[in-house]
Amino acid sequence: MSDQPASLEEYFPRGGEAAFHVDTSDYLGVVVGGSLGRGLVIRLEAAQSVEALAVGRYVVVRGQHKRFFCMVTDIELNTTHPAIQNSPPDMSDPYLHAVYSGTVAYGTIHAAPMLSIEDDKPLPVKTIPGHFSRAYNASEDDVNNVFGEEDATHFNIGAPLELETTQVNLDLRRLAERSVGVFGKSGTGKSFLTRVLLSGIISRNIGVNLIFDMHNDYGWQVTSENGHHVKGLAQLFGDRVTIITLDPESSRRRKARYDFEVRLPYSEIEPRDLEGLAGTMNLSDAMIDAAYTLSKLWGRDWIVRLLAGDPDDALEIEENTKLTTSTLAALQRRLERFERWDFLSKEPVEDTITSILDLLVQKERTVVLEFGRYGNSLDAYMLVANYITRRVHQQYVEKIERALGDPSLEPPQLLIVIEEAHKFLDPQVASQTIFGVIAREMRKYKVTLLVVDQRPSQIDEEVMSQIGTRVTALLDNERDISAVLNGVSGAGGLREVLARLDTKQQAIIMGHAVPMPVVLKTRAYDETFYQAVQTIRDGGAARRSLGGGDKKRV
């Protein structure tokens, strides 16, 4: 070893500061505390502005052996000594500002670990990074490693906040195989978001949809709040979407194409179809029991004969049943509103269920049932939705059971879309309605629900637990927020994120179709979207013409 003393230049070469330079554009700070359950506490670098951060942003913490993909759930200001808060320095002095900022006074963020990334593969989080692990803003590559690329089964739903050049791709097969919930307060764009989801399912041939279109939002062209005309599913996908209607007059006024009118005979309405209407029609248990008694006594004509009020029929009831006059009179008054609904017929009509099943199963088309003026009557909406869904589900069960020995006979995956879902699925009726049955069956018979609602807290808790993917726009009711987050890992941090979403075009997606909860700016339903869907649709048509077919089964 040389006896000559080394020069300072050798130990500290000029320009050597570059070796210690940190790119503050991506570097956030270091982990100083936290836990797996409560999330990480990251102290921000002095040069990092607190105002440049927002809840919902993604950060990556680089541990010794793996990377941790995290979501910012809270932002906090801290000081090293409480006296600073009681006697703040004069920050108008540039020198004091430089001394205090980032040292004595500093910012921290709370970040919930969502995934650990090893060899570019996202895995569930089972541990946390150590003290002083460095945290960085998530890059486009980080996001793509988590959400993958858009392909035959993955569909672009939007972009993470502040990373608009990347995209979040939903796994549509996983989305459709369990029930889906789209939640948000009124005016947050639930219908537009639902339209985007349905477009993905149709364009990728993942399944077929039966849409009970309460306010004529999905089938044909509608006008948005800003006055622009937006296309319906039938205009985007042509003959792959069939529109049927309860109100042909409304369709003609709107110049909306429809394929046939739906009419339901009184003779096919059973007491079970009325059970789900107990709350909206104020039907007591005694009235429901009376309906079953009359159905047993008179057969399929029980409603027509009850509404006619023939004295001889009243005498027959008195002689052969124990029904009271007051109960019969009350049931008759409730059912008199049926006479105001032109889609109900006393005469035999074409079998609507067979026609709908042929469209769904044989032709593999999405069916949109428009309600026209009847969309303003919750009773009419619930009656028709219950009537059709119960019979379609029954046929699906029979088809699946017949196909047990031959998978090629299985019908396509079916997603049933209902609005005002809490009316069908509240705790009092969820166990009685067909929608509660479907929600609990999950994928057993290849029928799932897509429920659209602004009051998830009123949906039965057991049903909510079976909703595989939850797409949630802004909610401001604490009970609704709790209902959506019930059973979700890291719900405490997500609560703050959910409560601070913008009122338009932002949502948080959690559950089966995404590898982790994701906050995003949802894809705009506009001309750019139409063109993208057109490209996918034409590609699908080309594949079918080459023999690929759209009979591929889940």
Protein backbone atom coordinates (compact mmCIF):
# COMPACT_ATOMS: atom_id res chain seq x y z
CA MET A 1 0.00 0.00 0.00
CA SER A 2 1.38 3.42 -0.90
CA ASP A 3 2.58 5.63 1.96
CA GLN A 4 1.59 8.75 0.05
CA PRO A 5 -1.61 10.30 1.44
CA ALA A 6 -4.47 10.21 -0.99
CA SER A 7 -5.70 13.51 -2.27
CA LEU A 8 -9.22 14.74 -1.56
CA GLU A 9 -9.78 14.58 -5.30
CA GLU A 10 -9.41 10.79 -5.17
CA TYR A 11 -11.90 10.42 -2.34
CA PHE A 12 -14.35 13.06 -3.58
CA PRO A 13 -13.91 13.51 -7.33
CA ARG A 14 -15.46 16.55 -8.96
CA GLY A 15 -18.91 15.75 -10.24
CA GLY A 16 -19.15 12.87 -7.80
CA GLU A 17 -22.43 14.26 -6.51
CA ALA A 18 -24.06 12.55 -9.48
CA ALA A 19 -23.57 9.23 -7.71
CA PHE A 20 -25.85 10.43 -4.91
CA HIS A 21 -28.42 12.15 -7.13
CA VAL A 22 -32.01 10.97 -6.90
CA ASP A 23 -34.55 11.60 -9.64
CA THR A 24 -37.19 13.45 -7.64
CA SER A 25 -39.67 13.27 -10.50
CA ASP A 26 -40.30 9.58 -9.61
CA TYR A 27 -38.70 9.19 -6.20
CA LEU A 28 -41.12 9.87 -3.35
CA GLY A 29 -39.39 8.96 -0.10
CA VAL A 30 -38.70 6.07 2.27
CA VAL A 31 -40.80 3.73 4.36
CA VAL A 32 -40.66 4.73 8.04
CA GLY A 33 -43.42 2.57 9.52
CA GLY A 34 -46.69 0.76 9.00
CA SER A 35 -48.13 -2.73 8.96
CA LEU A 36 -49.75 -5.14 6.52
CA GLY A 37 -53.20 -4.35 7.87
CA ARG A 38 -52.92 -0.56 8.26
CA GLY A 39 -50.64 0.10 5.30
CA LEU A 40 -47.20 1.67 4.95
CA VAL A 41 -46.13 5.10 6.21
CA ILE A 42 -43.79 6.78 3.71
CA ARG A 43 -41.91 9.95 4.61
CA LEU A 44 -41.70 12.18 1.57
CA GLU A 45 -38.42 13.47 0.21
CA ALA A 46 -37.84 17.17 0.94
CA ALA A 47 -38.08 18.08 -2.73
CA GLN A 48 -41.38 16.20 -3.19
CA SER A 49 -44.45 18.44 -3.09
CA VAL A 50 -47.39 17.18 -1.07
CA GLU A 51 -49.75 19.02 -3.39
CA ALA A 52 -48.56 16.93 -6.33
CA LEU A 53 -49.95 13.75 -4.76
CA ALA A 54 -53.52 12.46 -4.52
CA VAL A 55 -55.30 9.52 -2.94
CA GLY A 56 -55.76 6.72 -5.44
CA ARG A 57 -52.34 7.17 -7.05
CA TYR A 58 -50.12 4.11 -7.35
CA VAL A 59 -46.66 3.88 -5.88
CA VAL A 60 -44.05 1.14 -6.00
CA VAL A 61 -41.90 0.35 -2.96
CA ARG A 62 -38.67 -1.46 -3.75
CA GLY A 63 -37.83 -3.91 -0.99
CA GLN A 64 -34.72 -6.05 -0.76
CA HIS A 65 -36.14 -8.99 -2.71
CA LYS A 66 -39.40 -7.83 -4.29
CA ARG A 67 -41.40 -4.81 -5.34
CA PHE A 68 -44.66 -3.83 -3.67
CA PHE A 69 -47.42 -2.26 -5.72
CA CYS A 70 -49.34 0.11 -3.42
CA MET A 71 -52.19 2.62 -3.51
CA VAL A 72 -52.03 5.98 -1.74
CA THR A 73 -54.91 6.06 0.76
CA ASP A 74 -54.08 9.14 2.84
CA ILE A 75 -51.76 12.17 2.88
CA GLU A 76 -50.57 13.77 6.11
CA LEU A 77 -48.49 16.75 7.30
CA ASN A 78 -46.09 16.14 10.20
CA THR A 79 -43.47 18.00 12.23
CA THR A 80 -40.53 16.84 14.32
CA HIS A 81 -41.64 18.96 17.27
CA PRO A 82 -45.14 20.06 18.36
CA ALA A 83 -43.87 23.58 19.09
CA ILE A 84 -43.69 24.16 15.33
CA GLN A 85 -47.46 23.88 15.12
CA ASN A 86 -47.99 26.33 17.98
CA SER A 87 -45.43 28.86 16.76
CA PRO A 88 -44.88 28.43 13.01
CA PRO A 89 -41.81 30.14 11.51
CA ASP A 90 -41.98 33.01 9.04
CA MET A 91 -41.99 31.06 5.78
CA SER A 92 -41.82 34.24 3.73
CA ASP A 93 -38.09 34.17 4.49
CA PRO A 94 -36.55 31.96 1.73
CA TYR A 95 -33.80 30.78 4.07
CA LEU A 96 -36.22 29.65 6.79
CA HIS A 97 -38.43 28.05 4.15
CA ALA A 98 -35.46 26.02 2.88
CA VAL A 99 -34.39 25.02 6.39
CA TYR A 100 -37.78 23.93 7.67
CA SER A 101 -39.42 22.38 4.59
CA GLY A 102 -38.84 18.66 4.35
CA THR A 103 -36.78 18.52 7.55
CA VAL A 104 -38.53 19.92 10.60
CA ALA A 105 -41.84 20.06 8.72
CA TYR A 106 -42.45 17.23 6.28
CA GLY A 107 -45.16 15.22 4.57
CA THR A 108 -46.06 11.55 4.78
CA ILE A 109 -48.32 9.34 2.74
CA HIS A 110 -50.12 6.18 3.73
CA ALA A 111 -49.98 3.48 1.07
CA ALA A 112 -51.85 0.18 1.17
CA PRO A 113 -49.85 -2.74 -0.31
CA MET A 114 -52.00 -4.38 -2.98
CA LEU A 115 -49.63 -6.80 -4.71
CA SER A 116 -46.06 -7.95 -4.52
CA ILE A 117 -44.23 -8.26 -7.83
CA GLU A 118 -41.63 -11.01 -8.31
CA ASP A 119 -40.10 -11.74 -11.72
CA ASP A 120 -42.67 -9.33 -13.20
CA LYS A 121 -45.52 -11.50 -11.88
CA PRO A 122 -48.10 -9.94 -9.52
CA LEU A 123 -48.75 -12.05 -6.41
CA PRO A 124 -50.91 -11.59 -3.29
CA VAL A 125 -49.32 -9.52 -0.53
CA LYS A 126 -48.29 -11.53 2.52
CA THR A 127 -45.55 -9.30 3.94
CA ILE A 128 -44.29 -5.71 3.77
CA PRO A 129 -40.99 -4.04 2.82
CA GLY A 130 -38.47 -3.15 5.52
CA HIS A 131 -37.61 0.22 7.03
CA PHE A 132 -36.18 2.82 4.68
CA SER A 133 -37.20 0.96 1.53
CA ARG A 134 -37.51 3.50 -1.26
CA ALA A 135 -40.88 4.45 -2.74
CA TYR A 136 -41.43 5.67 -6.30
CA ASN A 137 -44.31 6.79 -8.44
CA ALA A 138 -45.61 3.78 -10.42
CA SER A 139 -44.46 3.81 -14.02
CA GLU A 140 -46.33 2.67 -17.11
CA ASP A 141 -44.36 -0.59 -17.06
CA ASP A 142 -45.38 -1.20 -13.45
CA VAL A 143 -49.06 -0.75 -14.32
CA ASN A 144 -48.79 -2.96 -17.39
CA ASN A 145 -47.13 -5.70 -15.35
CA VAL A 146 -50.17 -5.73 -13.08
CA PHE A 147 -53.05 -5.34 -15.54
CA GLY A 148 -51.53 -6.95 -18.61
CA GLU A 149 -52.33 -6.22 -22.23
CA GLU A 150 -55.66 -5.93 -23.99
CA ASP A 151 -56.43 -9.20 -25.78
CA ALA A 152 -59.23 -11.58 -26.68
CA THR A 153 -60.59 -11.69 -23.13
CA HIS A 154 -59.23 -8.45 -21.61
CA PHE A 155 -60.94 -5.14 -22.30
CA ASN A 156 -59.73 -1.59 -21.71
CA ILE A 157 -62.01 0.04 -19.13
CA GLY A 158 -60.00 3.22 -18.44
CA ALA A 159 -56.69 4.60 -17.17
CA PRO A 160 -55.25 4.89 -13.65
CA LEU A 161 -55.33 8.38 -12.18
CA GLU A 162 -52.48 10.53 -13.51
CA LEU A 163 -51.29 7.71 -15.80
CA GLU A 164 -53.54 8.37 -18.76
CA THR A 165 -51.18 6.82 -21.29
CA THR A 166 -51.67 3.38 -19.68
CA GLN A 167 -54.85 1.38 -19.38
CA VAL A 168 -56.62 -0.97 -17.00
CA ASN A 169 -57.81 -4.14 -18.71
CA LEU A 170 -60.66 -6.10 -17.15
CA ASP A 171 -60.67 -9.87 -17.40
CA LEU A 172 -64.10 -10.22 -19.01
CA ARG A 173 -64.38 -13.96 -18.49
CA ARG A 174 -63.87 -13.53 -14.76
CA LEU A 175 -66.21 -10.53 -14.82
CA ALA A 176 -69.10 -12.49 -16.36
CA GLU A 177 -68.73 -15.72 -14.41
CA ARG A 178 -69.80 -14.04 -11.16
CA SER A 179 -72.38 -11.34 -10.51
CA VAL A 180 -71.32 -7.72 -11.04
CA GLY A 181 -72.39 -4.54 -9.25
CA VAL A 182 -72.25 -1.02 -10.70
CA PHE A 183 -72.84 1.46 -7.89
CA GLY A 184 -72.81 5.24 -7.55
CA LYS A 185 -75.01 8.13 -6.54
CA SER A 186 -77.38 9.65 -9.06
CA GLY A 187 -75.64 11.56 -11.83
CA THR A 188 -72.27 9.80 -11.64
CA GLY A 189 -72.62 8.06 -15.01
CA LYS A 190 -73.63 4.53 -13.96
CA SER A 191 -75.51 3.94 -17.21
CA PHE A 192 -72.57 5.04 -19.36
CA LEU A 193 -70.19 2.85 -17.36
CA THR A 194 -72.56 -0.10 -17.68
CA ARG A 195 -72.73 0.51 -21.44
CA VAL A 196 -68.93 0.32 -21.65
CA LEU A 197 -68.87 -2.97 -19.70
CA LEU A 198 -71.58 -4.48 -21.89
CA SER A 199 -69.75 -3.34 -25.03
CA GLY A 200 -66.69 -5.25 -23.87
CA ILE A 201 -68.67 -8.44 -23.24
CA ILE A 202 -70.44 -8.26 -26.62
CA SER A 203 -67.35 -7.32 -28.62
CA ARG A 204 -65.28 -10.16 -27.12
CA ASN A 205 -68.06 -12.77 -27.48
CA ILE A 206 -67.80 -13.55 -23.77
CA GLY A 207 -71.52 -14.16 -23.40
CA VAL A 208 -74.99 -12.79 -24.06
CA ASN A 209 -76.94 -10.22 -22.07
CA LEU A 210 -80.59 -9.83 -21.13
CA ILE A 211 -81.02 -6.16 -20.28
CA PHE A 212 -84.13 -4.85 -18.54
CA ASP A 213 -83.80 -1.29 -19.81
CA MET A 214 -85.84 0.74 -17.37
CA HIS A 215 -85.22 4.18 -18.93
CA ASN A 216 -84.34 3.25 -22.53
CA ASP A 217 -80.63 3.86 -21.90
CA TYR A 218 -78.96 0.90 -23.59
CA GLY A 219 -80.61 -0.24 -26.79
CA TRP A 220 -80.90 2.81 -29.00
CA GLN A 221 -79.51 6.32 -29.21
CA VAL A 222 -79.92 8.53 -26.12
CA THR A 223 -79.09 12.13 -25.29
CA SER A 224 -76.44 12.77 -22.63
CA GLU A 225 -76.64 15.49 -19.99
CA ASN A 226 -74.53 17.83 -22.13
CA GLY A 227 -76.98 17.49 -25.02
CA HIS A 228 -74.90 15.16 -27.21
CA HIS A 229 -76.39 12.10 -28.87
CA VAL A 230 -74.68 8.84 -27.89
CA LYS A 231 -75.13 5.51 -29.61
CA GLY A 232 -76.91 2.55 -28.13
CA LEU A 233 -75.69 -1.03 -28.22
CA ALA A 234 -77.83 -1.86 -31.24
CA GLN A 235 -76.17 0.91 -33.25
CA LEU A 236 -72.70 -0.29 -32.22
CA PHE A 237 -73.19 -4.01 -32.77
CA GLY A 238 -75.91 -4.27 -35.40
CA ASP A 239 -77.64 -7.63 -35.59
CA ARG A 240 -75.81 -8.93 -32.52
CA VAL A 241 -78.26 -6.88 -30.40
CA THR A 242 -82.04 -7.28 -30.53
CA ILE A 243 -84.37 -4.66 -29.08
CA ILE A 244 -87.82 -5.66 -27.87
CA THR A 245 -90.29 -3.31 -26.25
CA LEU A 246 -93.29 -3.11 -23.93
CA ASP A 247 -94.26 0.26 -25.39
CA PRO A 248 -94.07 0.47 -29.20
CA GLU A 249 -95.55 3.98 -29.16
CA SER A 250 -92.57 5.24 -27.16
CA SER A 251 -90.16 3.56 -29.59
CA ARG A 252 -91.84 5.20 -32.58
CA ARG A 253 -91.74 8.63 -30.95
CA ARG A 254 -88.02 8.24 -30.29
CA LYS A 255 -87.50 6.79 -33.79
CA ALA A 256 -85.88 3.81 -32.13
CA ARG A 257 -85.76 0.51 -33.99
CA TYR A 258 -87.29 -2.50 -32.26
CA ASP A 259 -87.74 -6.09 -33.39
CA PHE A 260 -90.99 -7.08 -31.73
CA GLU A 261 -93.46 -6.04 -29.05
CA VAL A 262 -93.66 -7.96 -25.78
CA ARG A 263 -97.08 -8.86 -24.43
CA LEU A 264 -97.71 -11.05 -21.42
CA PRO A 265 -100.96 -12.99 -20.81
CA TYR A 266 -102.74 -12.80 -17.47
CA SER A 267 -103.03 -16.57 -17.59
CA GLU A 268 -99.25 -16.99 -17.27
CA ILE A 269 -98.84 -14.77 -14.20
CA GLU A 270 -98.42 -16.94 -11.12
CA PRO A 271 -98.56 -16.03 -7.42
CA ARG A 272 -94.78 -16.50 -7.29
CA ASP A 273 -94.45 -13.58 -9.72
CA LEU A 274 -96.22 -11.37 -7.19
CA GLU A 275 -94.08 -12.30 -4.18
CA GLY A 276 -91.28 -9.95 -5.23
CA LEU A 277 -93.81 -7.12 -5.55
CA ALA A 278 -94.95 -7.32 -1.94
CA GLY A 279 -93.10 -4.15 -0.95
CA THR A 280 -93.87 -1.93 -3.95
CA MET A 281 -97.54 -3.01 -4.28
CA ASN A 282 -98.11 -3.22 -0.52
CA LEU A 283 -99.18 -6.86 -0.70
CA SER A 284 -99.55 -8.47 2.72
CA ASP A 285 -98.77 -12.11 3.47
CA ALA A 286 -102.50 -12.74 3.65
CA MET A 287 -102.96 -11.35 0.13
CA ILE A 288 -100.14 -13.51 -1.24
CA ASP A 289 -101.70 -16.56 0.42
CA ALA A 290 -105.05 -15.59 -1.12
CA ALA A 291 -103.41 -15.44 -4.55
CA TYR A 292 -102.14 -19.01 -4.12
CA THR A 293 -105.60 -20.15 -2.97
CA LEU A 294 -107.33 -18.55 -5.97
CA SER A 295 -104.76 -20.00 -8.36
CA LYS A 296 -105.42 -23.45 -6.95
CA LEU A 297 -109.21 -22.94 -7.10
CA TRP A 298 -109.53 -21.32 -10.55
CA GLY A 299 -106.35 -22.30 -12.32
CA ARG A 300 -104.73 -19.98 -14.88
CA ASP A 301 -107.73 -17.62 -15.08
CA TRP A 302 -107.56 -16.59 -11.46
CA ILE A 303 -106.51 -12.95 -12.10
CA VAL A 304 -109.12 -12.33 -14.82
CA ARG A 305 -111.89 -13.76 -12.67
CA LEU A 306 -110.77 -11.83 -9.57
CA LEU A 307 -110.72 -8.53 -11.48
CA ALA A 308 -114.13 -9.25 -13.05
CA GLY A 309 -115.68 -9.50 -9.56
CA ASP A 310 -118.53 -11.81 -10.57
CA PRO A 311 -120.97 -12.40 -7.64
CA ASP A 312 -121.11 -16.13 -8.44
CA ASP A 313 -117.32 -16.31 -8.13
CA ALA A 314 -117.51 -14.55 -4.78
CA LEU A 315 -120.05 -17.16 -3.61
CA GLU A 316 -117.79 -20.00 -4.81
CA ILE A 317 -114.87 -18.55 -2.85
CA GLU A 318 -116.98 -18.24 0.28
CA GLU A 319 -118.17 -21.85 0.01
CA ASN A 320 -114.82 -23.47 -0.86
CA THR A 321 -112.16 -21.42 0.94
CA LYS A 322 -111.50 -19.67 4.23
CA LEU A 323 -110.55 -16.38 2.57
CA THR A 324 -112.06 -13.27 4.11
CA THR A 325 -113.93 -10.68 2.08
CA SER A 326 -111.61 -7.91 3.20
CA THR A 327 -108.48 -9.77 2.03
CA LEU A 328 -110.02 -10.50 -1.38
CA ALA A 329 -111.16 -6.91 -1.79
CA ALA A 330 -107.71 -5.60 -0.90
CA LEU A 331 -105.99 -7.99 -3.33
CA GLN A 332 -108.44 -7.02 -6.07
CA ARG A 333 -107.72 -3.31 -5.54
CA ARG A 334 -103.98 -3.91 -5.74
CA LEU A 335 -104.25 -5.90 -8.97
CA GLU A 336 -106.56 -3.38 -10.65
CA ARG A 337 -103.46 -1.41 -11.68
CA PHE A 338 -102.70 -4.29 -14.08
CA GLU A 339 -105.61 -3.11 -16.19
CA ARG A 340 -103.74 0.14 -16.90
CA TRP A 341 -100.81 -1.74 -18.43
CA ASP A 342 -101.41 -2.38 -22.11
CA PHE A 343 -98.67 -5.02 -22.32
CA LEU A 344 -100.86 -7.39 -20.27
CA SER A 345 -103.44 -9.32 -22.26
CA LYS A 346 -106.53 -11.30 -21.32
CA GLU A 347 -106.23 -13.21 -24.60
CA PRO A 348 -103.54 -15.78 -25.54
CA VAL A 349 -100.45 -14.16 -27.08
CA GLU A 350 -97.22 -15.31 -28.66
CA ASP A 351 -94.84 -17.09 -26.28
CA THR A 352 -92.38 -14.33 -25.35
CA ILE A 353 -90.09 -16.57 -23.32
CA THR A 354 -89.50 -18.96 -26.22
CA SER A 355 -88.66 -16.03 -28.51
CA ILE A 356 -86.22 -14.53 -25.99
CA LEU A 357 -84.54 -17.89 -25.37
CA ASP A 358 -84.14 -18.46 -29.09
CA LEU A 359 -82.39 -15.09 -29.42
CA LEU A 360 -80.14 -15.70 -26.42
CA VAL A 361 -79.23 -19.35 -26.88
CA GLN A 362 -79.60 -20.21 -30.56
CA LYS A 363 -78.68 -16.89 -32.17
CA GLU A 364 -76.44 -15.74 -29.29
CA ARG A 365 -77.73 -12.20 -29.38
CA THR A 366 -77.94 -9.66 -26.59
CA VAL A 367 -81.58 -8.78 -25.86
CA VAL A 368 -82.58 -5.30 -24.67
CA LEU A 369 -86.12 -5.01 -23.31
CA GLU A 370 -87.18 -1.36 -23.38
CA PHE A 371 -89.96 -0.31 -21.02
CA GLY A 372 -90.93 3.01 -22.59
CA ARG A 373 -93.46 4.83 -20.42
CA TYR A 374 -93.71 1.83 -18.09
CA GLY A 375 -90.17 2.51 -16.91
CA ASN A 376 -91.66 5.12 -14.58
CA SER A 377 -93.71 2.42 -12.87
CA LEU A 378 -91.53 0.36 -10.54
CA ASP A 379 -94.36 -2.15 -10.16
CA ALA A 380 -94.46 -2.82 -13.90
CA TYR A 381 -90.67 -3.05 -14.11
CA MET A 382 -90.43 -5.52 -11.25
CA LEU A 383 -93.33 -7.67 -12.49
CA VAL A 384 -91.88 -8.06 -15.99
CA ALA A 385 -88.31 -8.57 -14.82
CA ASN A 386 -89.39 -11.23 -12.30
CA TYR A 387 -91.71 -12.93 -14.80
CA ILE A 388 -89.14 -13.22 -17.60
CA THR A 389 -86.08 -13.92 -15.46
CA ARG A 390 -87.69 -16.74 -13.51
CA ARG A 391 -88.68 -18.56 -16.69
CA VAL A 392 -85.40 -17.92 -18.53
CA HIS A 393 -83.46 -19.18 -15.50
CA GLN A 394 -85.61 -22.30 -15.33
CA GLN A 395 -84.89 -23.04 -19.00
CA TYR A 396 -81.16 -22.45 -18.46
CA VAL A 397 -81.12 -24.90 -15.55
CA GLU A 398 -82.75 -27.56 -17.72
CA LYS A 399 -80.31 -26.94 -20.59
CA ILE A 400 -77.27 -27.11 -18.32
CA GLU A 401 -78.48 -30.37 -16.76
CA ARG A 402 -79.08 -31.90 -20.22
CA ALA A 403 -75.58 -30.82 -21.25
CA LEU A 404 -73.81 -32.52 -18.33
CA GLY A 405 -72.71 -35.35 -20.61
CA ASP A 406 -72.04 -33.14 -23.63
CA PRO A 407 -70.46 -29.71 -22.99
CA SER A 408 -71.12 -28.66 -26.60
CA LEU A 409 -74.82 -28.43 -25.72
CA GLU A 410 -74.24 -25.82 -23.01
CA PRO A 411 -75.92 -22.44 -23.60
CA PRO A 412 -73.72 -19.32 -23.64
CA GLN A 413 -72.91 -17.42 -20.45
CA LEU A 414 -75.85 -15.14 -19.64
CA LEU A 415 -75.63 -11.82 -17.80
CA ILE A 416 -78.96 -10.34 -16.66
CA VAL A 417 -78.92 -6.56 -16.18
CA ILE A 418 -81.35 -4.96 -13.71
CA GLU A 419 -81.64 -1.39 -12.45
CA GLU A 420 -82.98 -0.29 -9.04
CA ALA A 421 -81.53 -3.59 -7.88
CA HIS A 422 -82.16 -2.98 -4.17
CA LYS A 423 -85.89 -3.30 -4.83
CA PHE A 424 -85.34 -6.90 -5.99
CA LEU A 425 -82.63 -7.75 -3.48
CA ASP A 426 -83.50 -6.08 -0.18
CA PRO A 427 -83.28 -8.35 2.89
CA GLN A 428 -87.07 -8.87 3.09
CA VAL A 429 -87.49 -10.27 -0.45
CA ALA A 430 -84.03 -11.40 -1.60
CA SER A 431 -84.62 -14.95 -0.38
CA GLN A 432 -87.93 -15.13 -2.30
CA THR A 433 -87.06 -13.58 -5.66
CA ILE A 434 -85.32 -15.31 -8.53
CA PHE A 435 -82.62 -12.62 -8.46
CA GLY A 436 -81.58 -13.63 -4.96
CA VAL A 437 -81.37 -17.25 -6.12
CA ILE A 438 -79.19 -16.32 -9.12
CA ALA A 439 -76.87 -14.20 -6.99
CA ARG A 440 -76.26 -17.10 -4.61
CA GLU A 441 -75.77 -19.70 -7.34
CA MET A 442 -72.75 -17.82 -8.75
CA ARG A 443 -71.72 -19.58 -11.99
CA LYS A 444 -73.43 -22.93 -11.38
CA TYR A 445 -75.96 -22.54 -14.18
CA LYS A 446 -74.08 -19.93 -16.28
CA VAL A 447 -76.51 -17.15 -15.31
CA THR A 448 -75.22 -14.13 -13.39
CA LEU A 449 -76.46 -10.63 -12.60
CA LEU A 450 -75.24 -7.16 -13.43
CA VAL A 451 -76.97 -4.96 -10.86
CA VAL A 452 -77.04 -1.17 -11.25
CA ASP A 453 -77.95 0.75 -8.11
CA GLN A 454 -77.38 3.93 -6.11
CA ARG A 455 -78.25 2.42 -2.71
CA PRO A 456 -76.08 -0.69 -2.20
CA SER A 457 -76.69 -0.51 1.56
CA GLN A 458 -80.28 -1.64 0.92
CA ILE A 459 -79.19 -4.83 -0.86
CA ASP A 460 -79.18 -7.98 1.25
CA GLU A 461 -75.76 -8.46 2.86
CA GLU A 462 -75.51 -12.10 1.78
CA VAL A 463 -76.24 -11.13 -1.83
CA MET A 464 -73.61 -8.36 -1.69
CA SER A 465 -71.06 -10.91 -0.51
CA GLN A 466 -71.69 -12.92 -3.69
CA ILE A 467 -71.07 -9.99 -6.06
CA GLY A 468 -67.73 -10.87 -7.59
CA THR A 469 -66.75 -7.53 -9.13
CA ARG A 470 -67.83 -4.13 -7.82
CA VAL A 471 -67.52 -1.08 -10.03
CA THR A 472 -68.21 1.94 -7.87
CA ALA A 473 -68.48 5.61 -8.75
CA LEU A 474 -68.84 8.35 -6.13
CA LEU A 475 -70.94 7.52 -3.07
CA ASP A 476 -71.48 10.04 -0.27
CA ASN A 477 -73.69 8.01 2.07
CA GLU A 478 -71.64 6.32 4.79
CA ARG A 479 -73.83 3.22 4.87
CA ASP A 480 -73.54 2.79 1.10
CA ILE A 481 -69.75 3.13 1.26
CA SER A 482 -69.59 0.52 4.04
CA ALA A 483 -71.81 -1.87 2.06
CA VAL A 484 -69.59 -1.67 -1.04
CA LEU A 485 -66.38 -2.15 0.95
CA ASN A 486 -67.70 -4.92 3.21
CA GLY A 487 -65.43 -7.95 2.88
CA VAL A 488 -62.80 -6.11 0.79
CA SER A 489 -59.19 -6.35 1.96
CA GLY A 490 -57.79 -2.96 2.99
CA ALA A 491 -61.26 -1.40 3.19
CA GLY A 492 -60.15 1.27 5.69
CA GLY A 493 -57.82 2.94 3.22
CA LEU A 494 -60.16 2.50 0.26
CA ARG A 495 -62.91 4.32 2.14
CA GLU A 496 -61.01 7.60 1.85
CA VAL A 497 -60.34 6.98 -1.83
CA LEU A 498 -63.97 6.18 -2.61
CA ALA A 499 -65.30 9.23 -0.79
CA ARG A 500 -63.05 11.54 -2.85
CA LEU A 501 -63.80 10.39 -6.37
CA ASP A 502 -64.88 13.01 -8.88
CA THR A 503 -68.57 13.14 -9.66
CA LYS A 504 -67.97 12.18 -13.30
CA GLN A 505 -65.88 9.59 -15.11
CA GLN A 506 -64.04 8.17 -12.10
CA ALA A 507 -64.61 4.84 -10.40
CA ILE A 508 -62.93 2.23 -8.24
CA ILE A 509 -63.05 -1.40 -9.39
CA MET A 510 -62.61 -4.22 -6.88
CA GLY A 511 -62.96 -7.95 -7.01
CA HIS A 512 -62.83 -10.95 -9.29
CA ALA A 513 -62.09 -9.25 -12.63
CA VAL A 514 -59.03 -7.25 -11.52
CA PRO A 515 -55.89 -8.42 -9.66
CA MET A 516 -56.23 -5.57 -7.13
CA PRO A 517 -58.54 -2.63 -6.39
CA VAL A 518 -57.95 0.08 -8.97
CA VAL A 519 -59.00 3.73 -9.12
CA LEU A 520 -59.33 4.97 -12.66
CA LYS A 521 -60.62 7.55 -15.03
CA THR A 522 -63.18 5.54 -16.92
CA ARG A 523 -63.09 5.29 -20.67
CA ALA A 524 -65.16 7.92 -22.45
CA TYR A 525 -68.17 6.63 -24.37
CA ASP A 526 -67.57 8.71 -27.49
CA GLU A 527 -66.52 8.54 -31.15
CA THR A 528 -63.08 7.19 -30.25
CA PHE A 529 -64.73 4.38 -28.30
CA TYR A 530 -67.13 3.66 -31.18
CA GLN A 531 -64.22 3.31 -33.60
CA ALA A 532 -62.33 1.01 -31.24
CA VAL A 533 -65.38 -1.21 -30.79
CA GLN A 534 -65.99 -1.20 -34.54
CA THR A 535 -62.47 -2.50 -35.09
CA ILE A 536 -62.97 -5.27 -32.53
CA ARG A 537 -66.40 -6.13 -33.98
CA ASP A 538 -65.08 -6.38 -37.54
CA GLY A 539 -62.21 -8.54 -36.32
CA GLY A 540 -64.65 -10.84 -34.56
CA ALA A 541 -66.78 -11.11 -37.69
CA ALA A 542 -63.69 -11.98 -39.70
CA ARG A 543 -62.72 -14.69 -37.23
CA ARG A 544 -66.19 -16.22 -37.37
CA SER A 545 -66.15 -16.22 -41.18
CA LEU A 546 -62.88 -18.18 -41.05
CA GLY A 547 -64.52 -20.86 -38.96
CA GLY A 548 -63.60 -19.71 -35.47
CA GLY A 549 -67.27 -19.29 -34.67
CA ASP A 550 -68.75 -17.62 -31.63
CA LYS A 551 -69.83 -20.88 -30.03
CA LYS A 552 -66.79 -20.96 -27.80
CA ARG A 553 -67.96 -21.88 -24.32
CA VAL A 554 -66.83 -20.70 -20.94
